[in-house]
C-alpha atoms as a PDB file:
ATOM      1  CA  MET A   1     126.004  64.723  81.299  1.00  0.00           C
ATOM      2  CA  ALA A   2     128.342  65.868  84.066  1.00  0.00           C
ATOM      3  CA  GLN A   3     128.617  69.325  82.487  1.00  0.00           C
ATOM      4  CA  ALA A   4     124.839  69.639  82.268  1.00  0.00           C
ATOM      5  CA  THR A   5     124.549  68.595  85.888  1.00  0.00           C
ATOM      6  CA  ASN A   6     127.116  71.220  86.906  1.00  0.00           C
ATOM      7  CA  ARG A   7     125.285  73.931  84.960  1.00  0.00           C
ATOM      8  CA  SER A   8     122.014  72.996  86.652  1.00  0.00           C
ATOM      9  CA  ALA A   9     123.684  73.127  90.043  1.00  0.00           C
ATOM     10  CA  ARG A  10     125.160  76.569  89.296  1.00  0.00           C
ATOM     11  CA  ARG A  11     121.774  77.879  88.172  1.00  0.00           C
ATOM     12  CA  ALA A  12     120.164  76.511  91.324  1.00  0.00           C
ATOM     13  CA  ARG A  13     122.814  78.220  93.476  1.00  0.00           C
ATOM     14  CA  ARG A  14     122.312  81.538  91.653  1.00  0.00           C
ATOM     15  CA  THR A  15     118.543  81.254  92.124  1.00  0.00           C
ATOM     16  CA  ARG A  16     118.953  80.592  95.847  1.00  0.00           C
ATOM     17  CA  THR A  17     121.420  83.481  96.171  1.00  0.00           C
ATOM     18  CA  THR A  18     119.038  85.891  94.428  1.00  0.00           C
ATOM     19  CA  ALA A  19     116.118  84.733  96.556  1.00  0.00           C
ATOM     20  CA  ASN A  20     118.151  85.141  99.761  1.00  0.00           C
ATOM     21  CA  ALA A  21     119.277  88.616  98.692  1.00  0.00           C
ATOM     22  CA  ARG A  22     115.695  89.669  98.072  1.00  0.00           C
ATOM     23  CA  ALA A  23     114.529  88.169 101.353  1.00  0.00           C
ATOM     24  CA  HIS A  24     117.184  90.044 103.337  1.00  0.00           C
ATOM     25  CA  ALA A  25     117.055  93.315 101.390  1.00  0.00           C
ATOM     26  CA  PRO A  26     115.803  96.267 103.457  1.00  0.00           C
ATOM     27  CA  ARG A  27     112.076  96.706 102.839  1.00  0.00           C
ATOM     28  CA  VAL A  28     110.809 100.208 102.189  1.00  0.00           C
ATOM     29  CA  ASN A  29     108.099 101.013 104.715  1.00  0.00           C
ATOM     30  CA  ILE A  30     105.084 102.073 102.649  1.00  0.00           C
ATOM     31  CA  TYR A  31     103.646 104.055 105.556  1.00  0.00           C
ATOM     32  CA  ASP A  32     106.906 106.019 105.847  1.00  0.00           C
ATOM     33  CA  GLU A  33     107.024 106.579 102.109  1.00  0.00           C
ATOM     34  CA  ALA A  34     103.448 107.875 101.897  1.00  0.00           C
ATOM     35  CA  THR A  35     103.868 110.047 104.996  1.00  0.00           C
ATOM     36  CA  GLN A  36     107.134 111.586 103.802  1.00  0.00           C
ATOM     37  CA  ARG A  37     105.573 112.375 100.438  1.00  0.00           C
ATOM     38  CA  ILE A  38     102.682 114.254 102.053  1.00  0.00           C
ATOM     39  CA  ILE A  39     104.984 116.017 104.544  1.00  0.00           C
ATOM     40  CA  ALA A  40     107.239 117.183 101.695  1.00  0.00           C
ATOM     41  CA  GLU A  41     104.270 118.605  99.811  1.00  0.00           C
ATOM     42  CA  LEU A  42     102.920 120.388 102.891  1.00  0.00           C
ATOM     43  CA  GLU A  43     106.361 121.829 103.680  1.00  0.00           C
ATOM     44  CA  ALA A  44     106.630 123.054 100.086  1.00  0.00           C
ATOM     45  CA  GLY A  45     103.295 124.814 100.445  1.00  0.00           C
ATOM     46  CA  THR A  46     101.470 122.349  98.179  1.00  0.00           C
ATOM     47  CA  VAL A  47      98.450 120.909  99.930  1.00  0.00           C
ATOM     48  CA  PRO A  48      97.820 117.658  98.044  1.00  0.00           C
ATOM     49  CA  TRP A  49      94.053 117.715  98.499  1.00  0.00           C
ATOM     50  CA  VAL A  50      93.625 121.285  97.194  1.00  0.00           C
ATOM     51  CA  ARG A  51      93.429 122.116  93.467  1.00  0.00           C
ATOM     52  CA  PRO A  52      94.960 118.806  92.416  1.00  0.00           C
ATOM     53  CA  TRP A  53      94.974 119.711  88.728  1.00  0.00           C
ATOM     54  CA  GLY A  54      97.622 122.397  88.377  1.00  0.00           C
ATOM     55  CA  GLY A  55      97.480 124.722  85.383  1.00  0.00           C
ATOM     56  CA  VAL A  56      95.054 125.297  82.565  1.00  0.00           C
ATOM     57  CA  ALA A  57      96.063 122.162  80.678  1.00  0.00           C
ATOM     58  CA  ALA A  58      95.722 119.884  83.678  1.00  0.00           C
ATOM     59  CA  GLY A  59      92.796 117.614  84.449  1.00  0.00           C
ATOM     60  CA  GLN A  60      89.474 118.799  85.766  1.00  0.00           C
ATOM     61  CA  PRO A  61      88.210 118.363  89.333  1.00  0.00           C
ATOM     62  CA  GLY A  62      87.385 114.793  90.144  1.00  0.00           C
ATOM     63  CA  LEU A  63      88.415 111.788  92.169  1.00  0.00           C
ATOM     64  CA  PRO A  64      91.059 109.544  90.599  1.00  0.00           C
ATOM     65  CA  VAL A  65      89.369 106.576  88.958  1.00  0.00           C
ATOM     66  CA  ASN A  66      90.404 103.341  87.356  1.00  0.00           C
ATOM     67  CA  ALA A  67      89.851 104.143  83.680  1.00  0.00           C
ATOM     68  CA  THR A  68      88.878 100.543  82.913  1.00  0.00           C
ATOM     69  CA  THR A  69      86.471  99.742  85.745  1.00  0.00           C
ATOM     70  CA  GLY A  70      85.302 103.283  86.541  1.00  0.00           C
ATOM     71  CA  ARG A  71      85.887 102.597  90.221  1.00  0.00           C
ATOM     72  CA  SER A  72      87.139 105.566  92.250  1.00  0.00           C
ATOM     73  CA  TYR A  73      90.336 105.146  94.233  1.00  0.00           C
ATOM     74  CA  SER A  74      90.040 105.880  97.934  1.00  0.00           C
ATOM     75  CA  GLY A  75      91.990 106.896 101.015  1.00  0.00           C
ATOM     76  CA  ILE A  76      95.699 107.605 100.693  1.00  0.00           C
ATOM     77  CA  ASN A  77      95.623 106.639  97.008  1.00  0.00           C
ATOM     78  CA  ILE A  78      93.608 109.783  96.250  1.00  0.00           C
ATOM     79  CA  LEU A  79      96.405 111.939  97.654  1.00  0.00           C
ATOM     80  CA  ILE A  80      99.122 109.924  95.926  1.00  0.00           C
ATOM     81  CA  LEU A  81      97.443 110.138  92.522  1.00  0.00           C
ATOM     82  CA  TRP A  82      96.477 113.786  92.904  1.00  0.00           C
ATOM     83  CA  GLY A  83     100.114 114.489  93.743  1.00  0.00           C
ATOM     84  CA  ALA A  84     101.169 112.759  90.523  1.00  0.00           C
ATOM     85  CA  VAL A  85      98.668 114.857  88.538  1.00  0.00           C
ATOM     86  CA  ILE A  86     100.166 118.024  90.050  1.00  0.00           C
ATOM     87  CA  ALA A  87     103.759 116.933  89.397  1.00  0.00           C
ATOM     88  CA  ALA A  88     103.235 115.888  85.764  1.00  0.00           C
ATOM     89  CA  ASP A  89     100.310 118.199  84.859  1.00  0.00           C
ATOM     90  CA  TYR A  90      98.323 115.246  83.560  1.00  0.00           C
ATOM     91  CA  PRO A  91      95.072 116.166  81.758  1.00  0.00           C
ATOM     92  CA  SER A  92      93.086 113.303  83.266  1.00  0.00           C
ATOM     93  CA  GLN A  93      92.137 111.689  86.554  1.00  0.00           C
ATOM     94  CA  GLY A  94      91.998 108.257  84.875  1.00  0.00           C
ATOM     95  CA  TRP A  95      94.511 105.546  85.790  1.00  0.00           C
ATOM     96  CA  LEU A  96      95.080 101.925  84.822  1.00  0.00           C
ATOM     97  CA  THR A  97      97.608  99.163  85.195  1.00  0.00           C
ATOM     98  CA  PHE A  98     100.053  98.061  82.497  1.00  0.00           C
ATOM     99  CA  ARG A  99      97.948  94.963  81.846  1.00  0.00           C
ATOM    100  CA  GLN A 100      94.696  96.941  81.685  1.00  0.00           C
ATOM    101  CA  ALA A 101      96.209  99.220  79.029  1.00  0.00           C
ATOM    102  CA  LEU A 102      97.089  96.178  76.921  1.00  0.00           C
ATOM    103  CA  ASP A 103      93.676  94.590  77.430  1.00  0.00           C
ATOM    104  CA  ALA A 104      92.016  97.834  76.285  1.00  0.00           C
ATOM    105  CA  GLY A 105      93.913  97.678  72.997  1.00  0.00           C
ATOM    106  CA  GLY A 106      96.548 100.269  73.900  1.00  0.00           C
ATOM    107  CA  SER A 107      99.857 100.325  75.717  1.00  0.00           C
ATOM    108  CA  VAL A 108     101.971 102.369  78.098  1.00  0.00           C
ATOM    109  CA  ARG A 109     104.414 104.513  76.128  1.00  0.00           C
ATOM    110  CA  LYS A 110     108.014 103.374  76.293  1.00  0.00           C
ATOM    111  CA  GLY A 111     109.978 105.111  79.024  1.00  0.00           C
ATOM    112  CA  GLU A 112     106.956 106.173  81.078  1.00  0.00           C
ATOM    113  CA  LYS A 113     107.277 105.731  84.832  1.00  0.00           C
ATOM    114  CA  GLY A 114     104.300 104.445  86.804  1.00  0.00           C
ATOM    115  CA  THR A 115     102.934 105.717  90.105  1.00  0.00           C
ATOM    116  CA  GLY A 116     102.972 103.385  93.086  1.00  0.00           C
ATOM    117  CA  ILE A 117      99.725 103.104  95.020  1.00  0.00           C
ATOM    118  CA  VAL A 118      98.734 100.830  97.858  1.00  0.00           C
ATOM    119  CA  TYR A 119      96.137  98.240  98.760  1.00  0.00           C
ATOM    120  CA  ALA A 120      95.166  98.025 102.420  1.00  0.00           C
ATOM    121  CA  ASP A 121      94.158  94.746 104.017  1.00  0.00           C
ATOM    122  CA  ARG A 122      94.662  92.771 107.211  1.00  0.00           C
ATOM    123  CA  PHE A 123      95.473  89.224 108.167  1.00  0.00           C
ATOM    124  CA  THR A 124      95.371  87.031 111.247  1.00  0.00           C
ATOM    125  CA  PRO A 125      98.663  85.243 112.039  1.00  0.00           C
ATOM    126  CA  ARG A 126      98.394  81.453 112.094  1.00  0.00           C
ATOM    127  CA  ASP A 127      99.362  81.178 115.750  1.00  0.00           C
ATOM    128  CA  SER A 128      96.567  83.603 116.663  1.00  0.00           C
ATOM    129  CA  LYS A 129      94.072  81.571 114.663  1.00  0.00           C
ATOM    130  CA  GLU A 130      95.148  78.417 116.495  1.00  0.00           C
ATOM    131  CA  SER A 131      94.840  80.087 119.881  1.00  0.00           C
ATOM    132  CA  LEU A 132      91.362  81.292 118.999  1.00  0.00           C
ATOM    133  CA  ARG A 133      90.271  77.791 118.017  1.00  0.00           C
ATOM    134  CA  GLY A 134      91.583  76.334 121.269  1.00  0.00           C
ATOM    135  CA  SER A 135      89.488  73.718 122.905  1.00  0.00           C
ATOM    136  CA  ASP A 136      85.722  73.525 123.002  1.00  0.00           C
ATOM    137  CA  SER A 137      85.731  75.082 126.441  1.00  0.00           C
ATOM    138  CA  GLY A 138      85.519  78.827 126.940  1.00  0.00           C
ATOM    139  CA  ASP A 139      83.297  81.554 125.650  1.00  0.00           C
ATOM    140  CA  ARG A 140      82.887  81.250 121.887  1.00  0.00           C
ATOM    141  CA  ALA A 141      81.403  84.718 121.657  1.00  0.00           C
ATOM    142  CA  GLU A 142      84.484  86.162 123.324  1.00  0.00           C
ATOM    143  CA  LYS A 143      86.739  84.337 120.865  1.00  0.00           C
ATOM    144  CA  ALA A 144      84.726  85.665 117.929  1.00  0.00           C
ATOM    145  CA  ARG A 145      84.883  89.197 119.304  1.00  0.00           C
ATOM    146  CA  ALA A 146      88.633  88.977 119.720  1.00  0.00           C
ATOM    147  CA  ALA A 147      89.004  87.683 116.181  1.00  0.00           C
ATOM    148  CA  ASN A 148      86.872  90.473 114.730  1.00  0.00           C
ATOM    149  CA  ASP A 149      88.300  93.498 116.480  1.00  0.00           C
ATOM    150  CA  GLY A 150      91.921  92.397 116.525  1.00  0.00           C
ATOM    151  CA  GLY A 151      92.310  92.306 120.297  1.00  0.00           C
ATOM    152  CA  ASP A 152      95.865  91.609 121.488  1.00  0.00           C
ATOM    153  CA  ALA A 153      97.142  92.401 117.959  1.00  0.00           C
ATOM    154  CA  ARG A 154      95.651  89.200 116.534  1.00  0.00           C
ATOM    155  CA  VAL A 155      94.632  91.026 113.354  1.00  0.00           C
ATOM    156  CA  VAL A 156      97.548  92.740 111.611  1.00  0.00           C
ATOM    157  CA  PRO A 157      96.894  95.552 109.070  1.00  0.00           C
ATOM    158  CA  PHE A 158      99.234  95.790 106.089  1.00  0.00           C
ATOM    159  CA  LEU A 159      99.715  97.612 102.803  1.00  0.00           C
ATOM    160  CA  LYS A 160     100.646  96.120  99.438  1.00  0.00           C
ATOM    161  CA  ARG A 161     102.075  98.157  96.600  1.00  0.00           C
ATOM    162  CA  PHE A 162     101.202  98.087  92.917  1.00  0.00           C
ATOM    163  CA  THR A 163     101.771 100.417  89.950  1.00  0.00           C
ATOM    164  CA  VAL A 164      99.340 102.382  87.781  1.00  0.00           C
ATOM    165  CA  PHE A 165      99.748 104.748  84.834  1.00  0.00           C
ATOM    166  CA  ASN A 166      97.766 107.850  83.925  1.00  0.00           C
ATOM    167  CA  VAL A 167      95.871 107.532  80.651  1.00  0.00           C
ATOM    168  CA  ALA A 168      98.020 110.423  79.392  1.00  0.00           C
ATOM    169  CA  GLN A 169     101.014 108.062  79.632  1.00  0.00           C
ATOM    170  CA  CYS A 170      99.369 105.588  77.274  1.00  0.00           C
ATOM    171  CA  GLU A 171      98.750 105.382  73.551  1.00  0.00           C
ATOM    172  CA  GLY A 172      96.249 103.544  71.417  1.00  0.00           C
ATOM    173  CA  LEU A 173      93.481 103.636  74.046  1.00  0.00           C
ATOM    174  CA  PRO A 174      89.849 104.099  72.915  1.00  0.00           C
ATOM    175  CA  ASP A 175      88.623 107.713  72.950  1.00  0.00           C
ATOM    176  CA  ARG A 176      86.390 107.095  75.971  1.00  0.00           C
ATOM    177  CA  TYR A 177      89.487 106.715  78.175  1.00  0.00           C
ATOM    178  CA  ALA A 178      90.442 110.354  77.615  1.00  0.00           C
ATOM    179  CA  ALA A 179      87.041 111.798  78.496  1.00  0.00           C
ATOM    180  CA  THR A 180      87.017 114.053  81.568  1.00  0.00           C
ATOM    181  CA  PRO A 181      83.863 115.834  82.766  1.00  0.00           C
ATOM    182  CA  PRO A 182      84.069 119.645  82.805  1.00  0.00           C
ATOM    183  CA  PRO A 183      84.083 121.487  86.146  1.00  0.00           C
ATOM    184  CA  LEU A 184      80.943 123.100  87.439  1.00  0.00           C
ATOM    185  CA  PRO A 185      80.621 126.851  86.854  1.00  0.00           C
ATOM    186  CA  PRO A 186      80.844 129.055  89.977  1.00  0.00           C
ATOM    187  CA  GLN A 187      77.096 129.488  90.153  1.00  0.00           C
ATOM    188  CA  ALA A 188      75.196 130.234  93.342  1.00  0.00           C
ATOM    189  CA  LEU A 189      73.229 126.991  93.454  1.00  0.00           C
ATOM    190  CA  ILE A 190      74.852 123.562  93.033  1.00  0.00           C
ATOM    191  CA  PRO A 191      71.995 121.022  92.997  1.00  0.00           C
ATOM    192  CA  ALA A 192      74.288 118.029  93.617  1.00  0.00           C
ATOM    193  CA  ALA A 193      75.755 119.660  96.736  1.00  0.00           C
ATOM    194  CA  GLU A 194      72.272 120.595  97.946  1.00  0.00           C
ATOM    195  CA  GLU A 195      71.295 116.938  97.555  1.00  0.00           C
ATOM    196  CA  VAL A 196      74.252 115.842  99.697  1.00  0.00           C
ATOM    197  CA  ILE A 197      73.248 118.305 102.418  1.00  0.00           C
ATOM    198  CA  ALA A 198      69.599 117.264 102.351  1.00  0.00           C
ATOM    199  CA  GLY A 199      70.350 113.547 102.110  1.00  0.00           C
ATOM    200  CA  SER A 200      72.771 113.551 105.053  1.00  0.00           C
ATOM    201  CA  GLY A 201      69.987 113.598 107.637  1.00  0.00           C
ATOM    202  CA  VAL A 202      72.111 115.962 109.729  1.00  0.00           C
ATOM    203  CA  GLY A 203      70.482 119.033 111.236  1.00  0.00           C
ATOM    204  CA  PHE A 204      71.532 121.973 109.035  1.00  0.00           C
ATOM    205  CA  ARG A 205      71.006 125.595 110.065  1.00  0.00           C
ATOM    206  CA  ILE A 206      71.843 128.626 107.930  1.00  0.00           C
ATOM    207  CA  GLY A 207      72.580 131.863 109.754  1.00  0.00           C
ATOM    208  CA  GLY A 208      75.030 133.688 111.987  1.00  0.00           C
ATOM    209  CA  ASP A 209      78.653 134.479 111.207  1.00  0.00           C
ATOM    210  CA  ARG A 210      80.334 131.194 112.180  1.00  0.00           C
ATOM    211  CA  ALA A 211      80.542 127.753 110.603  1.00  0.00           C
ATOM    212  CA  PHE A 212      80.751 124.762 112.954  1.00  0.00           C
ATOM    213  CA  TYR A 213      79.468 121.302 113.790  1.00  0.00           C
ATOM    214  CA  ALA A 214      77.998 120.840 117.273  1.00  0.00           C
ATOM    215  CA  PRO A 215      78.191 117.134 118.253  1.00  0.00           C
ATOM    216  CA  GLY A 216      75.757 117.458 121.184  1.00  0.00           C
ATOM    217  CA  PRO A 217      72.687 118.561 119.239  1.00  0.00           C
ATOM    218  CA  ASP A 218      74.166 116.942 116.094  1.00  0.00           C
ATOM    219  CA  LEU A 219      73.844 120.188 114.172  1.00  0.00           C
ATOM    220  CA  VAL A 220      75.779 121.910 111.363  1.00  0.00           C
ATOM    221  CA  CYS A 221      75.632 125.695 111.245  1.00  0.00           C
ATOM    222  CA  VAL A 222      76.913 127.811 108.342  1.00  0.00           C
ATOM    223  CA  PRO A 223      76.539 131.515 107.463  1.00  0.00           C
ATOM    224  CA  PRO A 224      74.203 132.352 104.556  1.00  0.00           C
ATOM    225  CA  GLN A 225      75.716 132.090 101.090  1.00  0.00           C
ATOM    226  CA  PRO A 226      75.821 135.889 100.440  1.00  0.00           C
ATOM    227  CA  ALA A 227      78.185 136.212 103.435  1.00  0.00           C
ATOM    228  CA  PHE A 228      80.934 134.335 101.554  1.00  0.00           C
ATOM    229  CA  PHE A 229      83.370 136.066  99.204  1.00  0.00           C
ATOM    230  CA  GLU A 230      82.838 133.250  96.690  1.00  0.00           C
ATOM    231  CA  ALA A 231      79.506 131.508  96.264  1.00  0.00           C
ATOM    232  CA  LEU A 232      81.210 128.094  96.085  1.00  0.00           C
ATOM    233  CA  ASP A 233      82.880 128.678  99.461  1.00  0.00           C
ATOM    234  CA  TYR A 234      79.467 128.143 101.024  1.00  0.00           C
ATOM    235  CA  TYR A 235      79.463 124.565  99.760  1.00  0.00           C
ATOM    236  CA  ARG A 236      83.139 123.940 100.551  1.00  0.00           C
ATOM    237  CA  VAL A 237      82.522 124.967 104.156  1.00  0.00           C
ATOM    238  CA  ALA A 238      79.226 123.087 104.408  1.00  0.00           C
ATOM    239  CA  LEU A 239      80.872 119.875 103.178  1.00  0.00           C
ATOM    240  CA  HIS A 240      83.717 120.346 105.667  1.00  0.00           C
ATOM    241  CA  GLU A 241      81.243 120.579 108.542  1.00  0.00           C
ATOM    242  CA  LEU A 242      79.177 117.663 107.229  1.00  0.00           C
ATOM    243  CA  THR A 243      82.355 115.570 107.191  1.00  0.00           C
ATOM    244  CA  HIS A 244      82.717 116.364 110.885  1.00  0.00           C
ATOM    245  CA  ALA A 245      79.111 115.248 111.365  1.00  0.00           C
ATOM    246  CA  THR A 246      79.848 111.800 109.909  1.00  0.00           C
ATOM    247  CA  GLY A 247      82.026 111.180 112.961  1.00  0.00           C
ATOM    248  CA  HIS A 248      78.952 111.151 115.233  1.00  0.00           C
ATOM    249  CA  PRO A 249      78.580 107.887 117.243  1.00  0.00           C
ATOM    250  CA  ALA A 250      75.411 107.065 115.291  1.00  0.00           C
ATOM    251  CA  ARG A 251      77.350 107.242 112.000  1.00  0.00           C
ATOM    252  CA  LEU A 252      81.069 106.471 111.638  1.00  0.00           C
ATOM    253  CA  ALA A 253      81.968 106.999 115.322  1.00  0.00           C
ATOM    254  CA  ARG A 254      85.293 108.838 115.078  1.00  0.00           C
ATOM    255  CA  ASN A 255      87.091 110.271 118.083  1.00  0.00           C
ATOM    256  CA  GLN A 256      85.886 113.886 118.326  1.00  0.00           C
ATOM    257  CA  THR A 257      86.767 114.520 121.947  1.00  0.00           C
ATOM    258  CA  GLY A 258      89.977 116.466 121.322  1.00  0.00           C
ATOM    259  CA  ALA A 259      90.120 119.997 122.706  1.00  0.00           C
ATOM    260  CA  PHE A 260      91.123 122.857 120.420  1.00  0.00           C
ATOM    261  CA  GLY A 261      94.865 122.763 119.794  1.00  0.00           C
ATOM    262  CA  SER A 262      95.260 119.088 120.759  1.00  0.00           C
ATOM    263  CA  LYS A 263      96.589 116.383 118.438  1.00  0.00           C
ATOM    264  CA  ASP A 264      93.202 114.645 118.403  1.00  0.00           C
ATOM    265  CA  TYR A 265      91.624 117.933 117.303  1.00  0.00           C
ATOM    266  CA  ALA A 266      94.238 118.305 114.537  1.00  0.00           C
ATOM    267  CA  ARG A 267      93.563 114.725 113.371  1.00  0.00           C
ATOM    268  CA  GLU A 268      89.822 115.365 113.098  1.00  0.00           C
ATOM    269  CA  GLU A 269      90.407 118.639 111.245  1.00  0.00           C
ATOM    270  CA  LEU A 270      92.682 116.788 108.832  1.00  0.00           C
ATOM    271  CA  VAL A 271      89.884 114.283 108.186  1.00  0.00           C
ATOM    272  CA  ALA A 272      87.361 117.095 107.630  1.00  0.00           C
ATOM    273  CA  GLU A 273      89.658 118.986 105.255  1.00  0.00           C
ATOM    274  CA  MET A 274      90.332 115.882 103.173  1.00  0.00           C
ATOM    275  CA  GLY A 275      86.694 114.790 103.320  1.00  0.00           C
ATOM    276  CA  SER A 276      85.516 118.155 102.022  1.00  0.00           C
ATOM    277  CA  ALA A 277      88.098 118.009  99.215  1.00  0.00           C
ATOM    278  CA  PHE A 278      87.044 114.470  98.251  1.00  0.00           C
ATOM    279  CA  LEU A 279      83.382 115.493  98.216  1.00  0.00           C
ATOM    280  CA  CYS A 280      84.096 118.649  96.211  1.00  0.00           C
ATOM    281  CA  ALA A 281      86.051 116.648  93.651  1.00  0.00           C
ATOM    282  CA  ALA A 282      83.278 114.057  93.375  1.00  0.00           C
ATOM    283  CA  LEU A 283      80.728 116.839  92.804  1.00  0.00           C
ATOM    284  CA  GLY A 284      82.879 118.789  90.325  1.00  0.00           C
ATOM    285  CA  ILE A 285      83.656 121.662  92.711  1.00  0.00           C
ATOM    286  CA  VAL A 286      87.264 122.867  92.888  1.00  0.00           C
ATOM    287  CA  PRO A 287      88.292 122.432  96.553  1.00  0.00           C
ATOM    288  CA  THR A 288      90.301 125.042  98.424  1.00  0.00           C
ATOM    289  CA  LEU A 289      92.134 125.020 101.744  1.00  0.00           C
ATOM    290  CA  ARG A 290      89.895 126.310 104.509  1.00  0.00           C
ATOM    291  CA  HIS A 291      92.190 125.949 107.515  1.00  0.00           C
ATOM    292  CA  ALA A 292      95.704 126.945 106.431  1.00  0.00           C
ATOM    293  CA  ASP A 293      96.448 127.827 110.063  1.00  0.00           C
ATOM    294  CA  TYR A 294      96.314 124.113 110.933  1.00  0.00           C
ATOM    295  CA  LEU A 295      99.263 123.189 108.691  1.00  0.00           C
ATOM    296  CA  ALA A 296     101.783 123.270 111.556  1.00  0.00           C
ATOM    297  CA  SER A 297      99.651 121.005 113.762  1.00  0.00           C
ATOM    298  CA  TRP A 298      99.075 118.586 110.867  1.00  0.00           C
ATOM    299  CA  LEU A 299     102.804 118.393 110.204  1.00  0.00           C
ATOM    300  CA  GLU A 300     103.433 117.693 113.891  1.00  0.00           C
ATOM    301  CA  VAL A 301     100.939 114.808 113.862  1.00  0.00           C
ATOM    302  CA  LEU A 302     102.345 113.333 110.644  1.00  0.00           C
ATOM    303  CA  ARG A 303     105.950 113.508 111.822  1.00  0.00           C
ATOM    304  CA  GLU A 304     105.101 111.673 115.035  1.00  0.00           C
ATOM    305  CA  ASP A 305     103.011 108.893 113.461  1.00  0.00           C
ATOM    306  CA  ASN A 306     103.841 107.399 110.072  1.00  0.00           C
ATOM    307  CA  ARG A 307     100.314 105.972 109.785  1.00  0.00           C
ATOM    308  CA  ALA A 308      98.425 109.162 110.629  1.00  0.00           C
ATOM    309  CA  VAL A 309      98.001 110.337 107.037  1.00  0.00           C
ATOM    310  CA  VAL A 310      96.880 106.869 105.920  1.00  0.00           C
ATOM    311  CA  ARG A 311      94.306 106.740 108.720  1.00  0.00           C
ATOM    312  CA  ALA A 312      93.114 110.302 108.037  1.00  0.00           C
ATOM    313  CA  ALA A 313      92.760 109.713 104.292  1.00  0.00           C
ATOM    314  CA  SER A 314      90.921 106.453 104.933  1.00  0.00           C
ATOM    315  CA  ALA A 315      88.533 108.118 107.412  1.00  0.00           C
ATOM    316  CA  ALA A 316      87.940 111.025 105.025  1.00  0.00           C
ATOM    317  CA  SER A 317      87.230 108.651 102.161  1.00  0.00           C
ATOM    318  CA  LYS A 318      84.737 106.708 104.303  1.00  0.00           C
ATOM    319  CA  ALA A 319      83.063 109.971 105.347  1.00  0.00           C
ATOM    320  CA  ALA A 320      82.719 111.134 101.728  1.00  0.00           C
ATOM    321  CA  ASP A 321      81.402 107.728 100.668  1.00  0.00           C
ATOM    322  CA  TRP A 322      78.862 107.762 103.509  1.00  0.00           C
ATOM    323  CA  LEU A 323      77.486 111.144 102.440  1.00  0.00           C
ATOM    324  CA  LEU A 324      77.464 110.303  98.731  1.00  0.00           C
ATOM    325  CA  THR A 325      75.719 106.994  99.435  1.00  0.00           C
ATOM    326  CA  ARG A 326      73.040 108.753 101.468  1.00  0.00           C
ATOM    327  CA  ARG A 327      72.524 111.188  98.587  1.00  0.00           C
ATOM    328  CA  ALA A 328      72.075 108.282  96.148  1.00  0.00           C
ATOM    329  CA  GLN A 329      69.662 106.512  98.500  1.00  0.00           C
ATOM    330  CA  GLU A 330      67.534 109.639  98.927  1.00  0.00           C
ATOM    331  CA  ALA A 331      67.437 110.167  95.159  1.00  0.00           C
ATOM    332  CA  GLU A 332      66.345 106.567  94.616  1.00  0.00           C
ATOM    333  CA  ALA A 333      63.648 106.852  97.272  1.00  0.00           C
ATOM    334  CA  ALA A 334      62.336 110.042  95.659  1.00  0.00           C
ATOM    335  CA  GLN A 335      62.066 108.300  92.294  1.00  0.00           C
ATOM    336  CA  CYS A 336      60.149 105.394  93.814  1.00  0.00           C
ATOM    337  CA  ALA A 337      57.743 107.646  95.742  1.00  0.00           C
END
């Protein structure tokens, strides 16, 4: 009995020691990790939101999706997973967790290494909640406003990490998991892209020799398609400018006040570049880098702020979703008319 008691005590001590070691181990900052990954790719000349499918054998254009649920990943996870496709030359944009592979009747091959992605959320510390409750006196509306917009840092954003595997790292999965839609041919007219342009509700003018978004009149201007060296460049540029247009106060209300050459200007251009790439991928168009001359300013912004790339990817993802949702709504309205 005494020996059993001693063994139990030793196990309890080991458990406490392990728990303490984990609690005091240095935590890897996910923002730093994601930022350094993107910076390294930019410095190496690999723009992670351009041609994220490598060689001939690699996957086709598309947003990374959960192969089980069909739900597209968003924000920084798009860049992380595209980077993994480039590095490993995976033939698919489909991803799933270890458990999802088992539930589908397959498994992750032995020795395969997963890719870490993140889940963004926010929480309100308990002491902030208590202070917001307070007494019955005071302005309840003001307390609600403070709780909603995180005034005085009451709402704390955070990232959680989890691991996914490309379907190419798995075996025994049903055939439908390997299916990848083919890219669109470089034809002059892309109906899906035309639907995004028309459904946006943004003023769209074709003509001249410059492409730009004018916030004042809320107008996108692009040169005519024959003026472009490649027919698809017309759509790549149009989607870039439409991403800018989503930042209008009546839409997603991003900061677009930065003068040319400023950090705010570089941040908005980063959002537009990513947004265009996300839209192109969703529509089956191979994205290309439009503003290579902004690389230095992007690197400067990312090096100064370890959350800049996460914010930019999130804003770009929201912009792409806004435009794609408008397209779907317009299509549904046309069917009901």
